[in-house]
Amino acid sequence: MILEVAILNIKEGLSEAFENNFKKAENIISSMKGYISHELKKCLETKDQYILLVNWETVEDHEIGFRKSEEYQKWKTLLHHFYEPFPTVEHYK
């Protein structure tokens, strides 16, 4: 199992809209091959910051199966415009 970790810094004042869109985006990621589970947690100390943790069967399930899919384009449309700066995504085992 691989853990994807991303710190998401949301543009000021857009956290509520981000959370609403993320609820829609959850259905996309959870339908992907190799997806196991995910958690989105809001930071207590830093306003408009979240951590996204996604468990995948393999790195390839995330990097190739998800990121190169049509579903990822929908995910991107729902969420990417909220990020500032764009997050670094790392994988752990």
Protein backbone atom coordinates (compact mmCIF):
# COMPACT_ATOMS: atom_id res chain seq x y z
CA MET A 1 0.00 0.00 0.00
CA ILE A 2 1.19 3.52 -0.87
CA LEU A 3 0.20 6.71 0.95
CA GLU A 4 -0.13 9.86 -1.14
CA VAL A 5 0.35 13.03 0.92
CA ALA A 6 -0.47 16.57 -0.22
CA ILE A 7 -0.56 19.78 1.79
CA LEU A 8 -3.27 21.94 0.20
CA ASN A 9 -3.08 25.69 0.68
CA ILE A 10 -6.39 27.18 -0.42
CA LYS A 11 -6.75 30.75 -1.67
CA GLU A 12 -7.92 33.00 1.14
CA GLY A 13 -11.63 32.88 1.82
CA LEU A 14 -12.35 29.95 -0.50
CA SER A 15 -12.20 27.08 2.01
CA GLU A 16 -15.97 26.58 2.14
CA ALA A 17 -16.25 26.43 -1.66
CA PHE A 18 -13.25 24.07 -1.76
CA GLU A 19 -14.87 21.74 0.79
CA ASN A 20 -18.12 21.72 -1.21
CA ASN A 21 -16.28 20.85 -4.41
CA PHE A 22 -14.18 18.25 -2.63
CA LYS A 23 -17.37 16.43 -1.61
CA LYS A 24 -18.13 16.05 -5.33
CA ALA A 25 -14.53 15.11 -6.16
CA GLU A 26 -14.51 12.32 -3.54
CA ASN A 27 -16.80 10.29 -5.77
CA ILE A 28 -14.29 10.57 -8.61
CA ILE A 29 -11.19 9.45 -6.74
CA SER A 30 -12.95 6.69 -4.81
CA SER A 31 -14.07 5.08 -8.08
CA MET A 32 -10.52 4.68 -9.43
CA LYS A 33 -8.67 1.38 -9.81
CA GLY A 34 -6.22 0.91 -6.95
CA TYR A 35 -7.92 3.43 -4.66
CA ILE A 36 -8.17 2.20 -1.06
CA SER A 37 -9.20 5.18 1.11
CA HIS A 38 -8.68 8.88 1.73
CA GLU A 39 -8.88 11.55 4.41
CA LEU A 40 -9.03 15.32 4.11
CA LYS A 41 -8.14 17.16 7.32
CA LYS A 42 -8.32 20.91 7.97
CA CYS A 43 -5.35 22.47 9.76
CA LEU A 44 -6.09 23.97 13.17
CA GLU A 45 -3.14 26.37 13.15
CA THR A 46 -3.06 27.59 9.56
CA LYS A 47 -6.19 29.11 8.05
CA ASP A 48 -7.20 27.73 4.64
CA GLN A 49 -4.77 24.77 4.84
CA TYR A 50 -5.61 21.07 4.54
CA ILE A 51 -3.79 17.77 4.31
CA LEU A 52 -5.00 15.15 1.85
CA LEU A 53 -4.04 11.54 2.53
CA VAL A 54 -4.91 8.92 -0.09
CA ASN A 55 -4.09 5.23 0.17
CA TRP A 56 -3.42 3.51 -3.15
CA GLU A 57 -2.46 -0.06 -3.96
CA THR A 58 0.52 1.18 -6.04
CA VAL A 59 2.19 4.46 -7.05
CA GLU A 60 1.22 3.64 -10.64
CA ASP A 61 -2.47 3.51 -9.68
CA HIS A 62 -2.14 7.15 -8.65
CA GLU A 63 0.43 8.52 -11.10
CA ILE A 64 -0.74 6.71 -14.23
CA GLY A 65 -4.18 5.20 -13.61
CA PHE A 66 -5.66 8.29 -11.96
CA ARG A 67 -3.62 11.21 -13.26
CA LYS A 68 -3.82 10.12 -16.89
CA SER A 69 -7.56 9.40 -16.79
CA GLU A 70 -10.57 11.38 -17.99
CA GLU A 71 -11.80 11.33 -14.41
CA TYR A 72 -8.69 13.28 -13.35
CA GLN A 73 -9.68 16.08 -15.72
CA LYS A 74 -12.98 16.37 -13.81
CA TRP A 75 -11.07 16.31 -10.49
CA LYS A 76 -8.75 19.02 -11.80
CA THR A 77 -11.68 21.21 -12.92
CA LEU A 78 -13.34 20.89 -9.51
CA LEU A 79 -10.28 21.54 -7.34
CA HIS A 80 -7.10 22.87 -8.92
CA HIS A 81 -8.21 26.50 -9.15
CA PHE A 82 -8.38 26.67 -5.32
CA TYR A 83 -4.68 25.95 -4.71
CA GLU A 84 -2.08 28.63 -4.07
CA PRO A 85 0.63 27.54 -4.50
CA PHE A 86 0.01 24.28 -6.32
CA PRO A 87 0.73 21.44 -3.87
CA THR A 88 3.68 19.10 -3.89
CA VAL A 89 2.49 15.50 -3.78
CA GLU A 90 4.67 12.80 -2.26
CA HIS A 91 4.28 9.05 -1.79
CA TYR A 92 5.16 6.97 1.29
CA LYS A 93 5.22 3.25 2.05
